């Protein structure tokens, strides 16, 4: 029987036992608890960092929703409709203004930082 066939017949739990035995041989029985604590601390730090990252992403998402940045929430049929939605989100009255006037007002408002 070739060696590759032997590796294919080993199940997942058997690999865990093999790895555990290898760790005992490498680190020794006395250092294994210390190694386990170190791994546990690393996993805890990873989970903590992952949770902080998720909270920061959620907070940034909430801030983006409430900010005064121009938003288009759906598809628009025309360029004029897009300009009107951007102008409205920036607090610019678009009634009676040409497309060019709206573009100019939007540009001014964007350069002023809202």
PDB file of N, CA and C in Angstrom:
ATOM      1  N   UNK A   1       0.856  -1.179   0.000  1.00  0.00           N
ATOM      2  CA  UNK A   1       0.000   0.000   0.000  1.00  0.00           C
ATOM      3  C   UNK A   1       0.898   1.238   0.000  1.00  0.00           C
ATOM      4  N   UNK A   2       0.688   2.140  -0.969  1.00  0.00           N
ATOM      5  CA  UNK A   2       1.491   3.361  -1.027  1.00  0.00           C
ATOM      6  C   UNK A   2       1.180   4.277   0.163  1.00  0.00           C
ATOM      7  N   UNK A   3       2.154   5.113   0.492  1.00  0.00           N
ATOM      8  CA  UNK A   3       2.021   6.029   1.628  1.00  0.00           C
ATOM      9  C   UNK A   3       0.901   7.044   1.403  1.00  0.00           C
ATOM     10  N   UNK A   4       0.694   7.484   0.161  1.00  0.00           N
ATOM     11  CA  UNK A   4      -0.359   8.464  -0.124  1.00  0.00           C
ATOM     12  C   UNK A   4      -1.741   7.893   0.172  1.00  0.00           C
ATOM     13  N   UNK A   5      -1.947   6.601  -0.045  1.00  0.00           N
ATOM     14  CA  UNK A   5      -3.235   5.985   0.277  1.00  0.00           C
ATOM     15  C   UNK A   5      -3.468   5.968   1.779  1.00  0.00           C
ATOM     16  N   UNK A   6      -2.395   5.809   2.554  1.00  0.00           N
ATOM     17  CA  UNK A   6      -2.505   5.801   4.005  1.00  0.00           C
ATOM     18  C   UNK A   6      -2.986   7.162   4.516  1.00  0.00           C
ATOM     19  N   UNK A   7      -2.457   8.260   3.945  1.00  0.00           N
ATOM     20  CA  UNK A   7      -2.871   9.599   4.364  1.00  0.00           C
ATOM     21  C   UNK A   7      -4.315   9.898   3.983  1.00  0.00           C
ATOM     22  N   UNK A   8      -4.785   9.343   2.891  1.00  0.00           N
ATOM     23  CA  UNK A   8      -6.154   9.587   2.455  1.00  0.00           C
ATOM     24  C   UNK A   8      -7.173   8.870   3.334  1.00  0.00           C
ATOM     25  N   UNK A   9      -6.765   7.806   4.030  1.00  0.00           N
ATOM     26  CA  UNK A   9      -7.699   7.035   4.849  1.00  0.00           C
ATOM     27  C   UNK A   9      -7.784   7.542   6.284  1.00  0.00           C
ATOM     28  N   UNK A  10      -7.044   8.590   6.626  1.00  0.00           N
ATOM     29  CA  UNK A  10      -7.076   9.123   7.991  1.00  0.00           C
ATOM     30  C   UNK A  10      -8.179  10.180   8.071  1.00  0.00           C
ATOM     31  N   UNK A  11      -9.088  10.012   9.051  1.00  0.00           N
ATOM     32  CA  UNK A  11     -10.218  10.937   9.214  1.00  0.00           C
ATOM     33  C   UNK A  11      -9.784  12.169  10.005  1.00  0.00           C
ATOM     34  N   UNK A  12     -10.681  13.142  10.141  1.00  0.00           N
ATOM     35  CA  UNK A  12     -10.379  14.404  10.810  1.00  0.00           C
ATOM     36  C   UNK A  12     -10.011  14.250  12.268  1.00  0.00           C
ATOM     37  N   UNK A  13     -10.752  13.435  13.001  1.00  0.00           N
ATOM     38  CA  UNK A  13     -10.448  13.263  14.428  1.00  0.00           C
ATOM     39  C   UNK A  13      -9.119  12.545  14.624  1.00  0.00           C
ATOM     40  N   UNK A  14      -8.779  11.669  13.719  1.00  0.00           N
ATOM     41  CA  UNK A  14      -7.487  10.983  13.807  1.00  0.00           C
ATOM     42  C   UNK A  14      -6.335  11.958  13.580  1.00  0.00           C
ATOM     43  N   UNK A  15      -6.542  12.939  12.690  1.00  0.00           N
ATOM     44  CA  UNK A  15      -5.518  13.965  12.480  1.00  0.00           C
ATOM     45  C   UNK A  15      -5.324  14.788  13.745  1.00  0.00           C
ATOM     46  N   UNK A  16      -6.417  15.080  14.448  1.00  0.00           N
ATOM     47  CA  UNK A  16      -6.316  15.851  15.692  1.00  0.00           C
ATOM     48  C   UNK A  16      -5.469  15.097  16.718  1.00  0.00           C
ATOM     49  N   UNK A  17      -5.661  13.796  16.818  1.00  0.00           N
ATOM     50  CA  UNK A  17      -4.875  12.986  17.747  1.00  0.00           C
ATOM     51  C   UNK A  17      -3.409  12.976  17.333  1.00  0.00           C
ATOM     52  N   UNK A  18      -3.143  12.838  16.049  1.00  0.00           N
ATOM     53  CA  UNK A  18      -1.763  12.834  15.543  1.00  0.00           C
ATOM     54  C   UNK A  18      -1.087  14.163  15.842  1.00  0.00           C
ATOM     55  N   UNK A  19      -1.797  15.264  15.625  1.00  0.00           N
ATOM     56  CA  UNK A  19      -1.235  16.594  15.881  1.00  0.00           C
ATOM     57  C   UNK A  19      -0.977  16.777  17.372  1.00  0.00           C
ATOM     58  N   UNK A  20      -1.906  16.338  18.213  1.00  0.00           N
ATOM     59  CA  UNK A  20      -1.718  16.443  19.660  1.00  0.00           C
ATOM     60  C   UNK A  20      -0.494  15.648  20.112  1.00  0.00           C
ATOM     61  N   UNK A  21      -0.334  14.439  19.600  1.00  0.00           N
ATOM     62  CA  UNK A  21       0.848  13.636  19.939  1.00  0.00           C
ATOM     63  C   UNK A  21       2.129  14.311  19.467  1.00  0.00           C
ATOM     64  N   UNK A  22       2.100  14.901  18.290  1.00  0.00           N
ATOM     65  CA  UNK A  22       3.276  15.596  17.779  1.00  0.00           C
ATOM     66  C   UNK A  22       3.619  16.791  18.672  1.00  0.00           C
ATOM     67  N   UNK A  23       2.606  17.516  19.136  1.00  0.00           N
ATOM     68  CA  UNK A  23       2.852  18.652  20.035  1.00  0.00           C
ATOM     69  C   UNK A  23       3.464  18.202  21.352  1.00  0.00           C
ATOM     70  N   UNK A  24       2.976  17.087  21.887  1.00  0.00           N
ATOM     71  CA  UNK A  24       3.548  16.557  23.128  1.00  0.00           C
ATOM     72  C   UNK A  24       5.001  16.172  22.907  1.00  0.00           C
ATOM     73  N   UNK A  25       5.301  15.559  21.765  1.00  0.00           N
ATOM     74  CA  UNK A  25       6.685  15.179  21.475  1.00  0.00           C
ATOM     75  C   UNK A  25       7.577  16.402  21.285  1.00  0.00           C
ATOM     76  N   UNK A  26       7.059  17.417  20.637  1.00  0.00           N
ATOM     77  CA  UNK A  26       7.867  18.613  20.351  1.00  0.00           C
ATOM     78  C   UNK A  26       8.070  19.460  21.598  1.00  0.00           C
ATOM     79  N   UNK A  27       6.989  19.761  22.324  1.00  0.00           N
ATOM     80  CA  UNK A  27       7.066  20.682  23.450  1.00  0.00           C
ATOM     81  C   UNK A  27       7.232  19.993  24.797  1.00  0.00           C
ATOM     82  N   UNK A  28       6.905  18.760  24.890  1.00  0.00           N
ATOM     83  CA  UNK A  28       6.979  18.056  26.167  1.00  0.00           C
ATOM     84  C   UNK A  28       5.712  18.267  26.968  1.00  0.00           C
ATOM     85  N   UNK A  29       5.444  17.358  27.877  1.00  0.00           N
ATOM     86  CA  UNK A  29       4.205  17.396  28.655  1.00  0.00           C
ATOM     87  C   UNK A  29       4.155  18.603  29.586  1.00  0.00           C
ATOM     88  N   UNK A  30       5.299  19.075  30.072  1.00  0.00           N
ATOM     89  CA  UNK A  30       5.308  20.201  31.009  1.00  0.00           C
ATOM     90  C   UNK A  30       5.045  21.535  30.320  1.00  0.00           C
ATOM     91  N   UNK A  31       5.495  21.682  29.082  1.00  0.00           N
ATOM     92  CA  UNK A  31       5.329  22.960  28.381  1.00  0.00           C
ATOM     93  C   UNK A  31       4.025  23.035  27.590  1.00  0.00           C
ATOM     94  N   UNK A  32       3.327  21.918  27.441  1.00  0.00           N
ATOM     95  CA  UNK A  32       2.086  21.903  26.667  1.00  0.00           C
ATOM     96  C   UNK A  32       1.000  22.804  27.265  1.00  0.00           C
ATOM     97  N   UNK A  33       0.786  22.821  28.598  1.00  0.00           N
ATOM     98  CA  UNK A  33      -0.216  23.756  29.145  1.00  0.00           C
ATOM     99  C   UNK A  33       0.131  25.221  28.868  1.00  0.00           C
ATOM    100  N   UNK A  34       1.415  25.551  28.965  1.00  0.00           N
ATOM    101  CA  UNK A  34       1.843  26.925  28.672  1.00  0.00           C
ATOM    102  C   UNK A  34       1.586  27.245  27.202  1.00  0.00           C
ATOM    103  N   UNK A  35       1.886  26.318  26.322  1.00  0.00           N
ATOM    104  CA  UNK A  35       1.644  26.492  24.890  1.00  0.00           C
ATOM    105  C   UNK A  35       0.146  26.675  24.627  1.00  0.00           C
ATOM    106  N   UNK A  36      -0.687  25.874  25.333  1.00  0.00           N
ATOM    107  CA  UNK A  36      -2.142  25.981  25.172  1.00  0.00           C
ATOM    108  C   UNK A  36      -2.649  27.343  25.632  1.00  0.00           C
ATOM    109  N   UNK A  37      -2.105  27.844  26.756  1.00  0.00           N
ATOM    110  CA  UNK A  37      -2.508  29.174  27.224  1.00  0.00           C
ATOM    111  C   UNK A  37      -2.122  30.250  26.217  1.00  0.00           C
ATOM    112  N   UNK A  38      -0.941  30.117  25.663  1.00  0.00           N
ATOM    113  CA  UNK A  38      -0.484  31.095  24.670  1.00  0.00           C
ATOM    114  C   UNK A  38      -1.398  31.095  23.454  1.00  0.00           C
ATOM    115  N   UNK A  39      -1.750  29.904  22.991  1.00  0.00           N
ATOM    116  CA  UNK A  39      -2.672  29.791  21.847  1.00  0.00           C
ATOM    117  C   UNK A  39      -4.035  30.371  22.227  1.00  0.00           C
ATOM    118  N   UNK A  40      -4.505  30.088  23.431  1.00  0.00           N
ATOM    119  CA  UNK A  40      -5.790  30.623  23.898  1.00  0.00           C
ATOM    120  C   UNK A  40      -5.793  32.143  23.946  1.00  0.00           C
ATOM    121  N   UNK A  41      -4.703  32.731  24.428  1.00  0.00           N
ATOM    122  CA  UNK A  41      -4.595  34.192  24.472  1.00  0.00           C
ATOM    123  C   UNK A  41      -4.593  34.774  23.055  1.00  0.00           C
ATOM    124  N   UNK A  42      -3.883  34.109  22.145  1.00  0.00           N
ATOM    125  CA  UNK A  42      -3.832  34.596  20.759  1.00  0.00           C
ATOM    126  C   UNK A  42      -5.215  34.552  20.119  1.00  0.00           C
ATOM    127  N   UNK A  43      -5.950  33.470  20.380  1.00  0.00           N
ATOM    128  CA  UNK A  43      -7.307  33.356  19.829  1.00  0.00           C
ATOM    129  C   UNK A  43      -8.202  34.428  20.451  1.00  0.00           C
ATOM    130  N   UNK A  44      -8.054  34.669  21.756  1.00  0.00           N
ATOM    131  CA  UNK A  44      -8.836  35.708  22.419  1.00  0.00           C
ATOM    132  C   UNK A  44      -8.541  37.091  21.860  1.00  0.00           C
ATOM    133  N   UNK A  45      -7.278  37.394  21.614  1.00  0.00           N
ATOM    134  CA  UNK A  45      -6.891  38.682  21.019  1.00  0.00           C
ATOM    135  C   UNK A  45      -7.475  38.822  19.615  1.00  0.00           C
ATOM    136  N   UNK A  46      -7.440  37.734  18.868  1.00  0.00           N
ATOM    137  CA  UNK A  46      -7.992  37.765  17.511  1.00  0.00           C
ATOM    138  C   UNK A  46      -9.487  38.068  17.558  1.00  0.00           C
ATOM    139  N   UNK A  47     -10.208  37.388  18.437  1.00  0.00           N
ATOM    140  CA  UNK A  47     -11.654  37.615  18.545  1.00  0.00           C
ATOM    141  C   UNK A  47     -11.952  39.042  18.987  1.00  0.00           C
ATOM    142  N   UNK A  48     -11.156  39.547  19.935  1.00  0.00           N
ATOM    143  CA  UNK A  48     -11.339  40.913  20.413  1.00  0.00           C
ATOM    144  C   UNK A  48     -11.120  41.916  19.277  1.00  0.00           C
ATOM    145  N   UNK A  49     -10.055  41.724  18.511  1.00  0.00           N
ATOM    146  CA  UNK A  49      -9.773  42.622  17.387  1.00  0.00           C
ATOM    147  C   UNK A  49     -10.860  42.523  16.323  1.00  0.00           C
ATOM    148  N   UNK A  50     -11.355  41.311  16.084  1.00  0.00           N
ATOM    149  CA  UNK A  50     -12.411  41.121  15.086  1.00  0.00           C
ATOM    150  C   UNK A  50     -13.684  41.847  15.509  1.00  0.00           C
ATOM    151  N   UNK A  51     -14.038  41.758  16.797  1.00  0.00           N
ATOM    152  CA  UNK A  51     -15.228  42.444  17.297  1.00  0.00           C
ATOM    153  C   UNK A  51     -15.074  43.965  17.237  1.00  0.00           C
ATOM    154  N   UNK A  52     -13.882  44.471  17.596  1.00  0.00           N
ATOM    155  CA  UNK A  52     -13.639  45.920  17.503  1.00  0.00           C
ATOM    156  C   UNK A  52     -13.769  46.390  16.057  1.00  0.00           C
ATOM    157  N   UNK A  53     -13.211  45.607  15.131  1.00  0.00           N
ATOM    158  CA  UNK A  53     -13.292  45.959  13.712  1.00  0.00           C
ATOM    159  C   UNK A  53     -14.743  46.001  13.253  1.00  0.00           C
ATOM    160  N   UNK A  54     -15.537  44.999  13.643  1.00  0.00           N
ATOM    161  CA  UNK A  54     -16.946  44.983  13.256  1.00  0.00           C
ATOM    162  C   UNK A  54     -17.694  46.182  13.835  1.00  0.00           C
ATOM    163  N   UNK A  55     -17.394  46.534  15.090  1.00  0.00           N
ATOM    164  CA  UNK A  55     -18.050  47.685  15.706  1.00  0.00           C
ATOM    165  C   UNK A  55     -17.676  48.975  14.997  1.00  0.00           C
ATOM    166  N   UNK A  56     -16.392  49.119  14.636  1.00  0.00           N
ATOM    167  CA  UNK A  56     -15.956  50.323  13.930  1.00  0.00           C
ATOM    168  C   UNK A  56     -16.592  50.413  12.550  1.00  0.00           C
ATOM    169  N   UNK A  57     -16.707  49.277  11.874  1.00  0.00           N
ATOM    170  CA  UNK A  57     -17.341  49.283  10.554  1.00  0.00           C
ATOM    171  C   UNK A  57     -18.821  49.641  10.675  1.00  0.00           C
ATOM    172  N   UNK A  58     -19.488  49.108  11.685  1.00  0.00           N
ATOM    173  CA  UNK A  58     -20.901  49.415  11.890  1.00  0.00           C
ATOM    174  C   UNK A  58     -21.076  50.894  12.241  1.00  0.00           C
ATOM    175  N   UNK A  59     -20.190  51.413  13.082  1.00  0.00           N
ATOM    176  CA  UNK A  59     -20.260  52.827  13.458  1.00  0.00           C
ATOM    177  C   UNK A  59     -20.018  53.709  12.237  1.00  0.00           C
ATOM    178  N   UNK A  60     -19.038  53.360  11.410  1.00  0.00           N
ATOM    179  CA  UNK A  60     -18.766  54.145  10.205  1.00  0.00           C
ATOM    180  C   UNK A  60     -19.954  54.095   9.254  1.00  0.00           C
ATOM    181  N   UNK A  61     -20.588  52.942   9.173  1.00  0.00           N
ATOM    182  CA  UNK A  61     -21.761  52.802   8.313  1.00  0.00           C
ATOM    183  C   UNK A  61     -22.901  53.687   8.811  1.00  0.00           C
ATOM    184  N   UNK A  62     -23.114  53.695  10.125  1.00  0.00           N
ATOM    185  CA  UNK A  62     -24.163  54.544  10.698  1.00  0.00           C
ATOM    186  C   UNK A  62     -23.856  56.017  10.479  1.00  0.00           C
ATOM    187  N   UNK A  63     -22.590  56.404  10.635  1.00  0.00           N
ATOM    188  CA  UNK A  63     -22.210  57.800  10.421  1.00  0.00           C
ATOM    189  C   UNK A  63     -22.410  58.198   8.967  1.00  0.00           C
ATOM    190  N   UNK A  64     -22.120  57.285   8.047  1.00  0.00           N
ATOM    191  CA  UNK A  64     -22.299  57.585   6.631  1.00  0.00           C
ATOM    192  C   UNK A  64     -23.772  57.777   6.297  1.00  0.00           C
ATOM    193  N   UNK A  65     -24.631  57.019   6.980  1.00  0.00           N
ATOM    194  CA  UNK A  65     -26.071  57.144   6.737  1.00  0.00           C
ATOM    195  C   UNK A  65     -26.606  58.488   7.210  1.00  0.00           C
ATOM    196  N   UNK A  66     -26.029  58.993   8.301  1.00  0.00           N
ATOM    197  CA  UNK A  66     -26.546  60.234   8.876  1.00  0.00           C
ATOM    198  C   UNK A  66     -25.791  61.472   8.420  1.00  0.00           C
ATOM    199  N   UNK A  67     -24.730  61.294   7.663  1.00  0.00           N
ATOM    200  CA  UNK A  67     -23.953  62.457   7.235  1.00  0.00           C
ATOM    201  C   UNK A  67     -24.686  63.216   6.129  1.00  0.00           C
ATOM    202  N   UNK A  68     -24.194  64.391   5.824  1.00  0.00           N
ATOM    203  CA  UNK A  68     -24.835  65.221   4.807  1.00  0.00           C
ATOM    204  C   UNK A  68     -24.217  65.008   3.429  1.00  0.00           C
ATOM    205  N   UNK A  69     -23.550  63.900   3.245  1.00  0.00           N
ATOM    206  CA  UNK A  69     -22.980  63.622   1.930  1.00  0.00           C
ATOM    207  C   UNK A  69     -24.103  63.390   0.930  1.00  0.00           C
ATOM    208  N   UNK A  70     -23.893  63.770  -0.315  1.00  0.00           N
ATOM    209  CA  UNK A  70     -24.942  63.538  -1.303  1.00  0.00           C
ATOM    210  C   UNK A  70     -25.154  62.047  -1.507  1.00  0.00           C
ATOM    211  N   UNK A  71     -26.426  61.657  -1.546  1.00  0.00           N
ATOM    212  CA  UNK A  71     -26.753  60.249  -1.710  1.00  0.00           C
ATOM    213  C   UNK A  71     -27.801  60.092  -2.796  1.00  0.00           C
ATOM    214  N   UNK A  72     -27.601  59.091  -3.612  1.00  0.00           N
ATOM    215  CA  UNK A  72     -28.622  58.682  -4.572  1.00  0.00           C
ATOM    216  C   UNK A  72     -29.005  57.277  -4.155  1.00  0.00           C
ATOM    217  N   UNK A  73     -30.249  57.102  -3.725  1.00  0.00           N
ATOM    218  CA  UNK A  73     -30.655  55.833  -3.127  1.00  0.00           C
ATOM    219  C   UNK A  73     -31.154  54.813  -4.139  1.00  0.00           C
ATOM    220  N   UNK A  74     -31.325  55.211  -5.368  1.00  0.00           N
ATOM    221  CA  UNK A  74     -31.808  54.273  -6.371  1.00  0.00           C
ATOM    222  C   UNK A  74     -31.416  54.731  -7.757  1.00  0.00           C
ATOM    223  N   UNK A  75     -31.795  53.948  -8.748  1.00  0.00           N
ATOM    224  CA  UNK A  75     -31.450  54.331 -10.116  1.00  0.00           C
ATOM    225  C   UNK A  75     -32.216  55.586 -10.540  1.00  0.00           C
ATOM    226  N   UNK A  76     -31.602  56.361 -11.404  1.00  0.00           N
ATOM    227  CA  UNK A  76     -32.243  57.565 -11.923  1.00  0.00           C
ATOM    228  C   UNK A  76     -32.404  57.405 -13.432  1.00  0.00           C
ATOM    229  N   UNK A  77     -33.464  58.020 -13.931  1.00  0.00           N
ATOM    230  CA  UNK A  77     -33.770  57.874 -15.351  1.00  0.00           C
ATOM    231  C   UNK A  77     -33.005  58.887 -16.203  1.00  0.00           C
ATOM    232  N   UNK A  78     -32.764  60.058 -15.639  1.00  0.00           N
ATOM    233  CA  UNK A  78     -32.137  61.110 -16.439  1.00  0.00           C
ATOM    234  C   UNK A  78     -31.037  61.799 -15.646  1.00  0.00           C
ATOM    235  N   UNK A  79     -30.211  62.506 -16.361  1.00  0.00           N
ATOM    236  CA  UNK A  79     -29.155  63.308 -15.737  1.00  0.00           C
ATOM    237  C   UNK A  79     -29.776  64.392 -14.864  1.00  0.00           C
ATOM    238  N   UNK A  80     -30.880  64.958 -15.301  1.00  0.00           N
ATOM    239  CA  UNK A  80     -31.563  66.013 -14.543  1.00  0.00           C
ATOM    240  C   UNK A  80     -32.051  65.479 -13.193  1.00  0.00           C
ATOM    241  N   UNK A  81     -32.612  64.286 -13.211  1.00  0.00           N
ATOM    242  CA  UNK A  81     -33.102  63.685 -11.968  1.00  0.00           C
ATOM    243  C   UNK A  81     -31.945  63.447 -10.991  1.00  0.00           C
ATOM    244  N   UNK A  82     -30.809  63.019 -11.511  1.00  0.00           N
ATOM    245  CA  UNK A  82     -29.631  62.808 -10.670  1.00  0.00           C
ATOM    246  C   UNK A  82     -29.186  64.136 -10.062  1.00  0.00           C
ATOM    247  N   UNK A  83     -29.127  65.188 -10.868  1.00  0.00           N
ATOM    248  CA  UNK A  83     -28.728  66.501 -10.361  1.00  0.00           C
ATOM    249  C   UNK A  83     -29.694  66.996  -9.290  1.00  0.00           C
ATOM    250  N   UNK A  84     -30.984  66.778  -9.501  1.00  0.00           N
ATOM    251  CA  UNK A  84     -31.973  67.223  -8.525  1.00  0.00           C
ATOM    252  C   UNK A  84     -31.836  66.468  -7.200  1.00  0.00           C
ATOM    253  N   UNK A  85     -31.573  65.153  -7.272  1.00  0.00           N
ATOM    254  CA  UNK A  85     -31.409  64.368  -6.048  1.00  0.00           C
ATOM    255  C   UNK A  85     -30.159  64.794  -5.285  1.00  0.00           C
ATOM    256  N   UNK A  86     -29.082  65.030  -5.993  1.00  0.00           N
ATOM    257  CA  UNK A  86     -27.850  65.476  -5.331  1.00  0.00           C
ATOM    258  C   UNK A  86     -28.069  66.853  -4.717  1.00  0.00           C
ATOM    259  N   UNK A  87     -28.705  67.744  -5.471  1.00  0.00           N
ATOM    260  CA  UNK A  87     -28.961  69.097  -4.963  1.00  0.00           C
ATOM    261  C   UNK A  87     -29.834  69.038  -3.713  1.00  0.00           C
ATOM    262  N   UNK A  88     -30.861  68.212  -3.736  1.00  0.00           N
ATOM    263  CA  UNK A  88     -31.747  68.085  -2.577  1.00  0.00           C
ATOM    264  C   UNK A  88     -30.989  67.562  -1.367  1.00  0.00           C
ATOM    265  N   UNK A  89     -30.139  66.561  -1.585  1.00  0.00           N
ATOM    266  CA  UNK A  89     -29.399  65.999  -0.452  1.00  0.00           C
ATOM    267  C   UNK A  89     -28.385  66.988   0.121  1.00  0.00           C
ATOM    268  N   UNK A  90     -27.973  67.966  -0.686  1.00  0.00           N
ATOM    269  CA  UNK A  90     -27.048  69.000  -0.214  1.00  0.00           C
ATOM    270  C   UNK A  90     -27.768  70.242   0.293  1.00  0.00           C
ATOM    271  N   UNK A  91     -29.096  70.234   0.219  1.00  0.00           N
ATOM    272  CA  UNK A  91     -29.859  71.377   0.700  1.00  0.00           C
ATOM    273  C   UNK A  91     -29.925  72.518  -0.299  1.00  0.00           C
ATOM    274  N   UNK A  92     -29.790  72.220  -1.574  1.00  0.00           N
ATOM    275  CA  UNK A  92     -29.841  73.243  -2.626  1.00  0.00           C
ATOM    276  C   UNK A  92     -31.218  73.190  -3.270  1.00  0.00           C
ATOM    277  N   UNK A  93     -31.862  74.358  -3.404  1.00  0.00           N
ATOM    278  CA  UNK A  93     -33.160  74.422  -4.077  1.00  0.00           C
ATOM    279  C   UNK A  93     -32.923  74.330  -5.578  1.00  0.00           C
ATOM    280  N   UNK A  94     -33.514  73.351  -6.222  1.00  0.00           N
ATOM    281  CA  UNK A  94     -33.261  73.121  -7.651  1.00  0.00           C
ATOM    282  C   UNK A  94     -34.354  73.682  -8.548  1.00  0.00           C
ATOM    283  N   UNK A  95     -35.386  74.232  -7.961  1.00  0.00           N
ATOM    284  CA  UNK A  95     -36.503  74.735  -8.759  1.00  0.00           C
ATOM    285  C   UNK A  95     -36.069  75.927  -9.603  1.00  0.00           C
ATOM    286  N   UNK A  96     -36.371  75.868 -10.897  1.00  0.00           N
ATOM    287  CA  UNK A  96     -36.105  76.974 -11.804  1.00  0.00           C
ATOM    288  C   UNK A  96     -34.645  77.153 -12.186  1.00  0.00           C
ATOM    289  N   UNK A  97     -33.816  76.188 -11.893  1.00  0.00           N
ATOM    290  CA  UNK A  97     -32.392  76.304 -12.233  1.00  0.00           C
ATOM    291  C   UNK A  97     -32.063  75.356 -13.377  1.00  0.00           C
ATOM    292  N   UNK A  98     -31.143  75.813 -14.218  1.00  0.00           N
ATOM    293  CA  UNK A  98     -30.722  74.964 -15.337  1.00  0.00           C
ATOM    294  C   UNK A  98     -29.754  73.890 -14.832  1.00  0.00           C
ATOM    295  N   UNK A  99     -29.489  72.903 -15.690  1.00  0.00           N
ATOM    296  CA  UNK A  99     -28.541  71.843 -15.328  1.00  0.00           C
ATOM    297  C   UNK A  99     -27.171  72.431 -15.009  1.00  0.00           C
ATOM    298  N   UNK A 100     -26.746  73.384 -15.794  1.00  0.00           N
ATOM    299  CA  UNK A 100     -25.428  73.985 -15.583  1.00  0.00           C
ATOM    300  C   UNK A 100     -25.385  74.743 -14.260  1.00  0.00           C
ATOM    301  N   UNK A 101     -26.456  75.451 -13.942  1.00  0.00           N
ATOM    302  CA  UNK A 101     -26.506  76.164 -12.663  1.00  0.00           C
ATOM    303  C   UNK A 101     -26.450  75.182 -11.491  1.00  0.00           C
ATOM    304  N   UNK A 102     -27.180  74.076 -11.613  1.00  0.00           N
ATOM    305  CA  UNK A 102     -27.153  73.063 -10.558  1.00  0.00           C
ATOM    306  C   UNK A 102     -25.759  72.469 -10.394  1.00  0.00           C
ATOM    307  N   UNK A 103     -25.115  72.165 -11.511  1.00  0.00           N
ATOM    308  CA  UNK A 103     -23.751  71.613 -11.456  1.00  0.00           C
ATOM    309  C   UNK A 103     -22.813  72.594 -10.736  1.00  0.00           C
ATOM    310  N   UNK A 104     -22.945  73.856 -11.054  1.00  0.00           N
ATOM    311  CA  UNK A 104     -22.105  74.874 -10.438  1.00  0.00           C
ATOM    312  C   UNK A 104     -22.373  74.979  -8.931  1.00  0.00           C
ATOM    313  N   UNK A 105     -23.640  74.998  -8.535  1.00  0.00           N
ATOM    314  CA  UNK A 105     -23.982  75.083  -7.116  1.00  0.00           C
ATOM    315  C   UNK A 105     -23.520  73.839  -6.353  1.00  0.00           C
ATOM    316  N   UNK A 106     -23.699  72.669  -6.960  1.00  0.00           N
ATOM    317  CA  UNK A 106     -23.257  71.417  -6.335  1.00  0.00           C
ATOM    318  C   UNK A 106     -21.742  71.432  -6.172  1.00  0.00           C
ATOM    319  N   UNK A 107     -21.049  71.872  -7.200  1.00  0.00           N
ATOM    320  CA  UNK A 107     -19.589  71.931  -7.145  1.00  0.00           C
ATOM    321  C   UNK A 107     -19.127  72.881  -6.042  1.00  0.00           C
ATOM    322  N   UNK A 108     -19.779  74.044  -5.949  1.00  0.00           N
ATOM    323  CA  UNK A 108     -19.420  75.007  -4.899  1.00  0.00           C
ATOM    324  C   UNK A 108     -19.657  74.420  -3.511  1.00  0.00           C
ATOM    325  N   UNK A 109     -20.800  73.783  -3.334  1.00  0.00           N
ATOM    326  CA  UNK A 109     -21.139  73.205  -2.029  1.00  0.00           C
ATOM    327  C   UNK A 109     -20.162  72.092  -1.662  1.00  0.00           C
ATOM    328  N   UNK A 110     -19.775  71.285  -2.646  1.00  0.00           N
ATOM    329  CA  UNK A 110     -18.842  70.176  -2.384  1.00  0.00           C
ATOM    330  C   UNK A 110     -17.456  70.717  -2.034  1.00  0.00           C
ATOM    331  N   UNK A 111     -17.029  71.787  -2.689  1.00  0.00           N
ATOM    332  CA  UNK A 111     -15.695  72.331  -2.407  1.00  0.00           C
ATOM    333  C   UNK A 111     -15.637  73.037  -1.057  1.00  0.00           C
ATOM    334  N   UNK A 112     -16.781  73.509  -0.569  1.00  0.00           N
ATOM    335  CA  UNK A 112     -16.838  74.160   0.734  1.00  0.00           C
ATOM    336  C   UNK A 112     -16.867  73.140   1.868  1.00  0.00           C
ATOM    337  N   UNK A 113     -17.023  71.884   1.535  1.00  0.00           N
ATOM    338  CA  UNK A 113     -17.083  70.857   2.583  1.00  0.00           C
ATOM    339  C   UNK A 113     -18.421  70.827   3.267  1.00  0.00           C
ATOM    340  N   UNK A 114     -19.468  71.122   2.519  1.00  0.00           N
ATOM    341  CA  UNK A 114     -20.858  71.093   2.994  1.00  0.00           C
ATOM    342  C   UNK A 114     -21.065  72.245   3.936  1.00  0.00           C
TER     343      UNK A 114
END
